[in-house]
PDB file of N, CA and C in Angstrom:
ATOM      1  N   MET A   1      22.587 -11.446 -31.332  1.00  0.00           N
ATOM      2  CA  MET A   1      22.736 -11.152 -29.905  1.00  0.00           C
ATOM      3  C   MET A   1      23.449 -12.343 -29.266  1.00  0.00           C
ATOM      4  N   SER A   2      24.524 -12.029 -28.535  1.00  0.00           N
ATOM      5  CA  SER A   2      25.287 -13.115 -27.886  1.00  0.00           C
ATOM      6  C   SER A   2      24.542 -13.616 -26.641  1.00  0.00           C
ATOM      7  N   GLU A   3      25.025 -14.744 -26.164  1.00  0.00           N
ATOM      8  CA  GLU A   3      24.394 -15.327 -24.976  1.00  0.00           C
ATOM      9  C   GLU A   3      24.527 -14.395 -23.763  1.00  0.00           C
ATOM     10  N   LYS A   4      25.673 -13.725 -23.640  1.00  0.00           N
ATOM     11  CA  LYS A   4      25.911 -12.830 -22.526  1.00  0.00           C
ATOM     12  C   LYS A   4      24.936 -11.643 -22.595  1.00  0.00           C
ATOM     13  N   GLU A   5      24.751 -11.091 -23.780  1.00  0.00           N
ATOM     14  CA  GLU A   5      23.809  -9.972 -23.944  1.00  0.00           C
ATOM     15  C   GLU A   5      22.377 -10.405 -23.621  1.00  0.00           C
ATOM     16  N   MET A   6      22.034 -11.613 -24.025  1.00  0.00           N
ATOM     17  CA  MET A   6      20.699 -12.162 -23.775  1.00  0.00           C
ATOM     18  C   MET A   6      20.464 -12.334 -22.277  1.00  0.00           C
ATOM     19  N   ILE A   7      21.445 -12.812 -21.572  1.00  0.00           N
ATOM     20  CA  ILE A   7      21.310 -12.985 -20.122  1.00  0.00           C
ATOM     21  C   ILE A   7      21.193 -11.636 -19.427  1.00  0.00           C
ATOM     22  N   GLU A   8      21.947 -10.650 -19.884  1.00  0.00           N
ATOM     23  CA  GLU A   8      21.857  -9.307 -19.312  1.00  0.00           C
ATOM     24  C   GLU A   8      20.472  -8.706 -19.576  1.00  0.00           C
ATOM     25  N   ALA A   9      19.951  -8.900 -20.776  1.00  0.00           N
ATOM     26  CA  ALA A   9      18.620  -8.384 -21.111  1.00  0.00           C
ATOM     27  C   ALA A   9      17.550  -9.059 -20.253  1.00  0.00           C
ATOM     28  N   LEU A  10      17.678 -10.357 -20.069  1.00  0.00           N
ATOM     29  CA  LEU A  10      16.706 -11.072 -19.241  1.00  0.00           C
ATOM     30  C   LEU A  10      16.781 -10.606 -17.787  1.00  0.00           C
ATOM     31  N   GLY A  11      17.979 -10.293 -17.323  1.00  0.00           N
ATOM     32  CA  GLY A  11      18.145  -9.776 -15.963  1.00  0.00           C
ATOM     33  C   GLY A  11      17.452  -8.424 -15.816  1.00  0.00           C
ATOM     34  N   ARG A  12      17.545  -7.568 -16.817  1.00  0.00           N
ATOM     35  CA  ARG A  12      16.873  -6.264 -16.773  1.00  0.00           C
ATOM     36  C   ARG A  12      15.349  -6.444 -16.796  1.00  0.00           C
ATOM     37  N   VAL A  13      14.878  -7.388 -17.598  1.00  0.00           N
ATOM     38  CA  VAL A  13      13.437  -7.668 -17.654  1.00  0.00           C
ATOM     39  C   VAL A  13      12.949  -8.172 -16.321  1.00  0.00           C
ATOM     40  N   GLU A  14      13.719  -9.044 -15.695  1.00  0.00           N
ATOM     41  CA  GLU A  14      13.321  -9.580 -14.378  1.00  0.00           C
ATOM     42  C   GLU A  14      13.277  -8.478 -13.338  1.00  0.00           C
ATOM     43  N   ALA A  15      14.253  -7.582 -13.361  1.00  0.00           N
ATOM     44  CA  ALA A  15      14.269  -6.467 -12.402  1.00  0.00           C
ATOM     45  C   ALA A  15      13.067  -5.550 -12.622  1.00  0.00           C
ATOM     46  N   ALA A  16      12.741  -5.292 -13.881  1.00  0.00           N
ATOM     47  CA  ALA A  16      11.577  -4.440 -14.172  1.00  0.00           C
ATOM     48  C   ALA A  16      10.280  -5.100 -13.710  1.00  0.00           C
ATOM     49  N   THR A  17      10.187  -6.409 -13.886  1.00  0.00           N
ATOM     50  CA  THR A  17       9.006  -7.133 -13.444  1.00  0.00           C
ATOM     51  C   THR A  17       8.869  -7.084 -11.923  1.00  0.00           C
ATOM     52  N   ASP A  18       9.969  -7.208 -11.230  1.00  0.00           N
ATOM     53  CA  ASP A  18       9.952  -7.127  -9.763  1.00  0.00           C
ATOM     54  C   ASP A  18       9.484  -5.748  -9.300  1.00  0.00           C
ATOM     55  N   ARG A  19       9.982  -4.707  -9.957  1.00  0.00           N
ATOM     56  CA  ARG A  19       9.567  -3.334  -9.605  1.00  0.00           C
ATOM     57  C   ARG A  19       8.062  -3.149  -9.822  1.00  0.00           C
ATOM     58  N   THR A  20       7.578  -3.665 -10.939  1.00  0.00           N
ATOM     59  CA  THR A  20       6.143  -3.563 -11.238  1.00  0.00           C
ATOM     60  C   THR A  20       5.322  -4.312 -10.223  1.00  0.00           C
ATOM     61  N   THR A  21       5.771  -5.480  -9.835  1.00  0.00           N
ATOM     62  CA  THR A  21       5.055  -6.284  -8.847  1.00  0.00           C
ATOM     63  C   THR A  21       4.931  -5.529  -7.532  1.00  0.00           C
ATOM     64  N   TYR A  22       6.009  -4.917  -7.071  1.00  0.00           N
ATOM     65  CA  TYR A  22       5.957  -4.163  -5.826  1.00  0.00           C
ATOM     66  C   TYR A  22       5.060  -2.935  -5.939  1.00  0.00           C
ATOM     67  N   ALA A  23       5.082  -2.287  -7.116  1.00  0.00           N
ATOM     68  CA  ALA A  23       4.221  -1.099  -7.273  1.00  0.00           C
ATOM     69  C   ALA A  23       2.759  -1.470  -7.236  1.00  0.00           C
ATOM     70  N   VAL A  24       2.397  -2.563  -7.910  1.00  0.00           N
ATOM     71  CA  VAL A  24       1.006  -3.022  -7.898  1.00  0.00           C
ATOM     72  C   VAL A  24       0.622  -3.482  -6.491  1.00  0.00           C
ATOM     73  N   ARG A  25       1.515  -4.160  -5.832  1.00  0.00           N
ATOM     74  CA  ARG A  25       1.227  -4.605  -4.455  1.00  0.00           C
ATOM     75  C   ARG A  25       1.017  -3.419  -3.536  1.00  0.00           C
ATOM     76  N   ALA A  26       1.784  -2.340  -3.717  1.00  0.00           N
ATOM     77  CA  ALA A  26       1.618  -1.134  -2.890  1.00  0.00           C
ATOM     78  C   ALA A  26       0.231  -0.544  -3.115  1.00  0.00           C
ATOM     79  N   PHE A  27      -0.207  -0.491  -4.372  1.00  0.00           N
ATOM     80  CA  PHE A  27      -1.506   0.078  -4.687  1.00  0.00           C
ATOM     81  C   PHE A  27      -2.641  -0.767  -4.104  1.00  0.00           C
ATOM     82  N   VAL A  28      -2.527  -2.067  -4.260  1.00  0.00           N
ATOM     83  CA  VAL A  28      -3.579  -2.969  -3.747  1.00  0.00           C
ATOM     84  C   VAL A  28      -3.620  -2.934  -2.226  1.00  0.00           C
ATOM     85  N   ARG A  29      -2.485  -2.932  -1.578  1.00  0.00           N
ATOM     86  CA  ARG A  29      -2.439  -2.887  -0.108  1.00  0.00           C
ATOM     87  C   ARG A  29      -3.057  -1.580   0.411  1.00  0.00           C
ATOM     88  N   PHE A  30      -2.719  -0.472  -0.250  1.00  0.00           N
ATOM     89  CA  PHE A  30      -3.267   0.823   0.121  1.00  0.00           C
ATOM     90  C   PHE A  30      -4.802   0.786   0.001  1.00  0.00           C
ATOM     91  N   LEU A  31      -5.305   0.296  -1.125  1.00  0.00           N
ATOM     92  CA  LEU A  31      -6.759   0.262  -1.314  1.00  0.00           C
ATOM     93  C   LEU A  31      -7.449  -0.664  -0.327  1.00  0.00           C
ATOM     94  N   PHE A  32      -6.856  -1.826  -0.052  1.00  0.00           N
ATOM     95  CA  PHE A  32      -7.480  -2.772   0.869  1.00  0.00           C
ATOM     96  C   PHE A  32      -7.583  -2.194   2.279  1.00  0.00           C
ATOM     97  N   ILE A  33      -6.504  -1.593   2.748  1.00  0.00           N
ATOM     98  CA  ILE A  33      -6.526  -1.032   4.099  1.00  0.00           C
ATOM     99  C   ILE A  33      -7.496   0.144   4.175  1.00  0.00           C
ATOM    100  N   GLN A  34      -7.476   0.997   3.145  1.00  0.00           N
ATOM    101  CA  GLN A  34      -8.352   2.149   3.136  1.00  0.00           C
ATOM    102  C   GLN A  34      -9.810   1.730   3.072  1.00  0.00           C
ATOM    103  N   LEU A  35     -10.144   0.761   2.240  1.00  0.00           N
ATOM    104  CA  LEU A  35     -11.513   0.276   2.138  1.00  0.00           C
ATOM    105  C   LEU A  35     -11.986  -0.364   3.419  1.00  0.00           C
ATOM    106  N   SER A  36     -11.128  -1.163   4.037  1.00  0.00           N
ATOM    107  CA  SER A  36     -11.489  -1.818   5.295  1.00  0.00           C
ATOM    108  C   SER A  36     -11.757  -0.811   6.404  1.00  0.00           C
ATOM    109  N   ALA A  37     -10.859   0.178   6.550  1.00  0.00           N
ATOM    110  CA  ALA A  37     -11.043   1.187   7.578  1.00  0.00           C
ATOM    111  C   ALA A  37     -12.283   2.036   7.358  1.00  0.00           C
ATOM    112  N   THR A  38     -12.505   2.417   6.118  1.00  0.00           N
ATOM    113  CA  THR A  38     -13.684   3.226   5.789  1.00  0.00           C
ATOM    114  C   THR A  38     -14.971   2.443   6.029  1.00  0.00           C
ATOM    115  N   THR A  39     -14.981   1.176   5.704  1.00  0.00           N
ATOM    116  CA  THR A  39     -16.170   0.346   5.924  1.00  0.00           C
ATOM    117  C   THR A  39     -16.469   0.203   7.424  1.00  0.00           C
ATOM    118  N   ILE A  40     -15.456  -0.117   8.188  1.00  0.00           N
ATOM    119  CA  ILE A  40     -15.658  -0.265   9.627  1.00  0.00           C
ATOM    120  C   ILE A  40     -16.078   1.045  10.274  1.00  0.00           C
ATOM    121  N   GLY A  41     -15.415   2.157   9.888  1.00  0.00           N
ATOM    122  CA  GLY A  41     -15.782   3.460  10.408  1.00  0.00           C
ATOM    123  C   GLY A  41     -17.173   3.883  10.043  1.00  0.00           C
ATOM    124  N   SER A  42     -17.597   3.580   8.821  1.00  0.00           N
ATOM    125  CA  SER A  42     -18.943   3.925   8.377  1.00  0.00           C
ATOM    126  C   SER A  42     -19.991   3.096   9.101  1.00  0.00           C
ATOM    127  N   MET A  43     -19.692   1.820   9.352  1.00  0.00           N
ATOM    128  CA  MET A  43     -20.624   0.989  10.088  1.00  0.00           C
ATOM    129  C   MET A  43     -20.786   1.494  11.520  1.00  0.00           C
ATOM    130  N   CYS A  44     -19.705   1.927  12.121  1.00  0.00           N
ATOM    131  CA  CYS A  44     -19.774   2.502  13.484  1.00  0.00           C
ATOM    132  C   CYS A  44     -20.600   3.793  13.480  1.00  0.00           C
ATOM    133  N   ALA A  45     -20.403   4.628  12.475  1.00  0.00           N
ATOM    134  CA  ALA A  45     -21.150   5.871  12.387  1.00  0.00           C
ATOM    135  C   ALA A  45     -22.635   5.604  12.158  1.00  0.00           C
ATOM    136  N   ALA A  46     -22.972   4.639  11.325  1.00  0.00           N
ATOM    137  CA  ALA A  46     -24.363   4.311  11.081  1.00  0.00           C
ATOM    138  C   ALA A  46     -24.998   3.736  12.336  1.00  0.00           C
ATOM    139  N   ALA A  47     -24.302   2.885  13.042  1.00  0.00           N
ATOM    140  CA  ALA A  47     -24.828   2.342  14.285  1.00  0.00           C
ATOM    141  C   ALA A  47     -24.993   3.458  15.332  1.00  0.00           C
ATOM    142  N   ALA A  48     -24.079   4.382  15.372  1.00  0.00           N
ATOM    143  CA  ALA A  48     -24.175   5.523  16.311  1.00  0.00           C
ATOM    144  C   ALA A  48     -25.411   6.354  16.023  1.00  0.00           C
ATOM    145  N   ALA A  49     -25.676   6.585  14.744  1.00  0.00           N
ATOM    146  CA  ALA A  49     -26.851   7.382  14.371  1.00  0.00           C
ATOM    147  C   ALA A  49     -28.122   6.634  14.741  1.00  0.00           C
ATOM    148  N   ALA A  50     -28.136   5.323  14.526  1.00  0.00           N
ATOM    149  CA  ALA A  50     -29.342   4.530  14.815  1.00  0.00           C
ATOM    150  C   ALA A  50     -29.580   4.392  16.318  1.00  0.00           C
ATOM    151  N   LEU A  51     -28.544   4.247  17.085  1.00  0.00           N
ATOM    152  CA  LEU A  51     -28.656   4.007  18.507  1.00  0.00           C
ATOM    153  C   LEU A  51     -28.578   5.277  19.356  1.00  0.00           C
ATOM    154  N   GLY A  52     -28.112   6.374  18.743  1.00  0.00           N
ATOM    155  CA  GLY A  52     -27.975   7.603  19.478  1.00  0.00           C
ATOM    156  C   GLY A  52     -26.781   7.604  20.426  1.00  0.00           C
ATOM    157  N   TRP A  53     -25.736   6.915  20.040  1.00  0.00           N
ATOM    158  CA  TRP A  53     -24.516   6.836  20.855  1.00  0.00           C
ATOM    159  C   TRP A  53     -23.409   7.671  20.196  1.00  0.00           C
ATOM    160  N   PRO A  54     -23.233   8.899  20.627  1.00  0.00           N
ATOM    161  CA  PRO A  54     -22.231   9.764  19.973  1.00  0.00           C
ATOM    162  C   PRO A  54     -20.796   9.245  20.108  1.00  0.00           C
ATOM    163  N   TRP A  55     -20.502   8.540  21.178  1.00  0.00           N
ATOM    164  CA  TRP A  55     -19.152   8.013  21.344  1.00  0.00           C
ATOM    165  C   TRP A  55     -18.799   6.996  20.258  1.00  0.00           C
ATOM    166  N   LEU A  56     -19.823   6.295  19.761  1.00  0.00           N
ATOM    167  CA  LEU A  56     -19.565   5.332  18.682  1.00  0.00           C
ATOM    168  C   LEU A  56     -19.232   6.061  17.378  1.00  0.00           C
ATOM    169  N   ALA A  57     -19.837   7.204  17.178  1.00  0.00           N
ATOM    170  CA  ALA A  57     -19.519   8.006  15.971  1.00  0.00           C
ATOM    171  C   ALA A  57     -18.073   8.510  16.061  1.00  0.00           C
ATOM    172  N   VAL A  58     -17.668   8.947  17.241  1.00  0.00           N
ATOM    173  CA  VAL A  58     -16.286   9.373  17.416  1.00  0.00           C
ATOM    174  C   VAL A  58     -15.323   8.215  17.160  1.00  0.00           C
ATOM    175  N   LEU A  59     -15.668   7.051  17.691  1.00  0.00           N
ATOM    176  CA  LEU A  59     -14.840   5.871  17.451  1.00  0.00           C
ATOM    177  C   LEU A  59     -14.756   5.544  15.957  1.00  0.00           C
ATOM    178  N   GLY A  60     -15.878   5.660  15.267  1.00  0.00           N
ATOM    179  CA  GLY A  60     -15.885   5.418  13.813  1.00  0.00           C
ATOM    180  C   GLY A  60     -14.992   6.395  13.089  1.00  0.00           C
ATOM    181  N   GLY A  61     -15.039   7.644  13.499  1.00  0.00           N
ATOM    182  CA  GLY A  61     -14.167   8.652  12.871  1.00  0.00           C
ATOM    183  C   GLY A  61     -12.696   8.384  13.116  1.00  0.00           C
ATOM    184  N   LEU A  62     -12.392   7.971  14.349  1.00  0.00           N
ATOM    185  CA  LEU A  62     -10.996   7.642  14.655  1.00  0.00           C
ATOM    186  C   LEU A  62     -10.500   6.428  13.893  1.00  0.00           C
ATOM    187  N   VAL A  63     -11.369   5.435  13.753  1.00  0.00           N
ATOM    188  CA  VAL A  63     -11.000   4.224  12.982  1.00  0.00           C
ATOM    189  C   VAL A  63     -10.746   4.605  11.526  1.00  0.00           C
ATOM    190  N   THR A  64     -11.621   5.417  10.969  1.00  0.00           N
ATOM    191  CA  THR A  64     -11.463   5.831   9.567  1.00  0.00           C
ATOM    192  C   THR A  64     -10.197   6.644   9.372  1.00  0.00           C
ATOM    193  N   ALA A  65      -9.978   7.635  10.232  1.00  0.00           N
ATOM    194  CA  ALA A  65      -8.775   8.479  10.100  1.00  0.00           C
ATOM    195  C   ALA A  65      -7.499   7.671  10.321  1.00  0.00           C
ATOM    196  N   GLY A  66      -7.497   6.806  11.339  1.00  0.00           N
ATOM    197  CA  GLY A  66      -6.334   5.980  11.592  1.00  0.00           C
ATOM    198  C   GLY A  66      -6.047   5.031  10.440  1.00  0.00           C
ATOM    199  N   GLY A  67      -7.097   4.472   9.884  1.00  0.00           N
ATOM    200  CA  GLY A  67      -6.946   3.571   8.743  1.00  0.00           C
ATOM    201  C   GLY A  67      -6.400   4.268   7.521  1.00  0.00           C
ATOM    202  N   LEU A  68      -6.831   5.498   7.308  1.00  0.00           N
ATOM    203  CA  LEU A  68      -6.337   6.243   6.152  1.00  0.00           C
ATOM    204  C   LEU A  68      -4.853   6.561   6.286  1.00  0.00           C
ATOM    205  N   PHE A  69      -4.422   6.946   7.504  1.00  0.00           N
ATOM    206  CA  PHE A  69      -3.006   7.195   7.728  1.00  0.00           C
ATOM    207  C   PHE A  69      -2.199   5.902   7.580  1.00  0.00           C
ATOM    208  N   TRP A  70      -2.719   4.818   8.155  1.00  0.00           N
ATOM    209  CA  TRP A  70      -2.039   3.549   8.060  1.00  0.00           C
ATOM    210  C   TRP A  70      -1.908   3.111   6.602  1.00  0.00           C
ATOM    211  N   ALA A  71      -2.974   3.291   5.817  1.00  0.00           N
ATOM    212  CA  ALA A  71      -2.941   2.923   4.385  1.00  0.00           C
ATOM    213  C   ALA A  71      -1.854   3.718   3.667  1.00  0.00           C
ATOM    214  N   GLY A  72      -1.754   4.992   3.973  1.00  0.00           N
ATOM    215  CA  GLY A  72      -0.733   5.815   3.338  1.00  0.00           C
ATOM    216  C   GLY A  72       0.661   5.370   3.656  1.00  0.00           C
ATOM    217  N   PHE A  73       0.938   5.091   4.922  1.00  0.00           N
ATOM    218  CA  PHE A  73       2.252   4.632   5.326  1.00  0.00           C
ATOM    219  C   PHE A  73       2.569   3.243   4.736  1.00  0.00           C
ATOM    220  N   ALA A  74       1.589   2.334   4.754  1.00  0.00           N
ATOM    221  CA  ALA A  74       1.820   0.989   4.233  1.00  0.00           C
ATOM    222  C   ALA A  74       2.061   1.029   2.734  1.00  0.00           C
ATOM    223  N   GLY A  75       1.284   1.844   2.010  1.00  0.00           N
ATOM    224  CA  GLY A  75       1.456   1.962   0.574  1.00  0.00           C
ATOM    225  C   GLY A  75       2.812   2.521   0.206  1.00  0.00           C
ATOM    226  N   ARG A  76       3.252   3.543   0.942  1.00  0.00           N
ATOM    227  CA  ARG A  76       4.570   4.123   0.656  1.00  0.00           C
ATOM    228  C   ARG A  76       5.691   3.144   0.968  1.00  0.00           C
ATOM    229  N   ALA A  77       5.539   2.369   2.035  1.00  0.00           N
ATOM    230  CA  ALA A  77       6.561   1.387   2.368  1.00  0.00           C
ATOM    231  C   ALA A  77       6.677   0.328   1.276  1.00  0.00           C
ATOM    232  N   GLU A  78       5.570  -0.117   0.750  1.00  0.00           N
ATOM    233  CA  GLU A  78       5.607  -1.106  -0.342  1.00  0.00           C
ATOM    234  C   GLU A  78       6.153  -0.474  -1.628  1.00  0.00           C
ATOM    235  N   LEU A  79       5.764   0.768  -1.898  1.00  0.00           N
ATOM    236  CA  LEU A  79       6.224   1.434  -3.101  1.00  0.00           C
ATOM    237  C   LEU A  79       7.725   1.658  -3.048  1.00  0.00           C
ATOM    238  N   ARG A  80       8.263   1.921  -1.875  1.00  0.00           N
ATOM    239  CA  ARG A  80       9.708   2.087  -1.715  1.00  0.00           C
ATOM    240  C   ARG A  80      10.458   0.815  -2.142  1.00  0.00           C
ATOM    241  N   LYS A  81       9.817  -0.328  -1.940  1.00  0.00           N
ATOM    242  CA  LYS A  81      10.444  -1.602  -2.323  1.00  0.00           C
ATOM    243  C   LYS A  81      10.546  -1.747  -3.840  1.00  0.00           C
ATOM    244  N   SER A  82       9.721  -1.029  -4.576  1.00  0.00           N
ATOM    245  CA  SER A  82       9.774  -1.157  -6.025  1.00  0.00           C
ATOM    246  C   SER A  82      11.020  -0.499  -6.609  1.00  0.00           C
ATOM    247  N   ASN A  83      11.654   0.409  -5.812  1.00  0.00           N
ATOM    248  CA  ASN A  83      12.904   1.024  -6.194  1.00  0.00           C
ATOM    249  C   ASN A  83      12.840   1.610  -7.615  1.00  0.00           C
ATOM    250  N   PRO A  84      11.930   2.559  -7.871  1.00  0.00           N
ATOM    251  CA  PRO A  84      11.727   3.027  -9.236  1.00  0.00           C
ATOM    252  C   PRO A  84      12.936   3.740  -9.835  1.00  0.00           C
ATOM    253  N   ASN A  85      13.810   4.296  -9.024  1.00  0.00           N
ATOM    254  CA  ASN A  85      14.968   5.044  -9.553  1.00  0.00           C
ATOM    255  C   ASN A  85      16.249   4.214  -9.578  1.00  0.00           C
ATOM    256  N   GLY A  86      16.151   2.966  -9.109  1.00  0.00           N
ATOM    257  CA  GLY A  86      17.326   2.109  -9.139  1.00  0.00           C
ATOM    258  C   GLY A  86      18.358   2.448  -8.070  1.00  0.00           C
ATOM    259  N   LYS A  87      17.996   3.227  -7.081  1.00  0.00           N
ATOM    260  CA  LYS A  87      18.948   3.620  -6.022  1.00  0.00           C
ATOM    261  C   LYS A  87      19.057   2.478  -5.020  1.00  0.00           C
ATOM    262  N   THR A  88      20.275   2.272  -4.534  1.00  0.00           N
ATOM    263  CA  THR A  88      20.499   1.249  -3.499  1.00  0.00           C
ATOM    264  C   THR A  88      21.342   1.824  -2.381  1.00  0.00           C
ATOM    265  N   ARG A  89      21.235   1.173  -1.250  1.00  0.00           N
ATOM    266  CA  ARG A  89      22.061   1.516  -0.081  1.00  0.00           C
ATOM    267  C   ARG A  89      22.459   0.187   0.535  1.00  0.00           C
ATOM    268  N   GLY A  90      23.747  -0.124   0.462  1.00  0.00           N
ATOM    269  CA  GLY A  90      24.219  -1.386   1.023  1.00  0.00           C
ATOM    270  C   GLY A  90      23.670  -2.601   0.296  1.00  0.00           C
ATOM    271  N   GLY A  91      23.381  -2.450  -1.007  1.00  0.00           N
ATOM    272  CA  GLY A  91      22.856  -3.566  -1.779  1.00  0.00           C
ATOM    273  C   GLY A  91      21.370  -3.745  -1.689  1.00  0.00           C
ATOM    274  N   LEU A  92      20.696  -2.938  -0.852  1.00  0.00           N
ATOM    275  CA  LEU A  92      19.260  -3.030  -0.699  1.00  0.00           C
ATOM    276  C   LEU A  92      18.594  -1.792  -1.308  1.00  0.00           C
ATOM    277  N   PRO A  93      17.395  -1.906  -1.853  1.00  0.00           N
ATOM    278  CA  PRO A  93      16.692  -0.745  -2.407  1.00  0.00           C
ATOM    279  C   PRO A  93      16.395   0.274  -1.300  1.00  0.00           C
ATOM    280  N   LEU A  94      16.432   1.550  -1.639  1.00  0.00           N
ATOM    281  CA  LEU A  94      16.080   2.590  -0.682  1.00  0.00           C
ATOM    282  C   LEU A  94      14.596   2.611  -0.451  1.00  0.00           C
TER     283      LEU A  94
END
């Protein structure tokens, strides 16, 4: 294997590693946001049940639902950075 071929192979390995890093980051970010929102929403719901404050239960539901949507959008945004199909637009990954 020539030096030029070796450098090209290393470039492909580096690109694959970058894609994997972004994919893992997307998954971890999604889980962290989802877990945080669900925990806060559940704590609000538990406090609402204990105190008899229905508005707090509604707030907990809104926090949970909003967090789940936010997690989905954030995870997709990070996953888009992994550029799994190698598509680019203006030199940047789609």
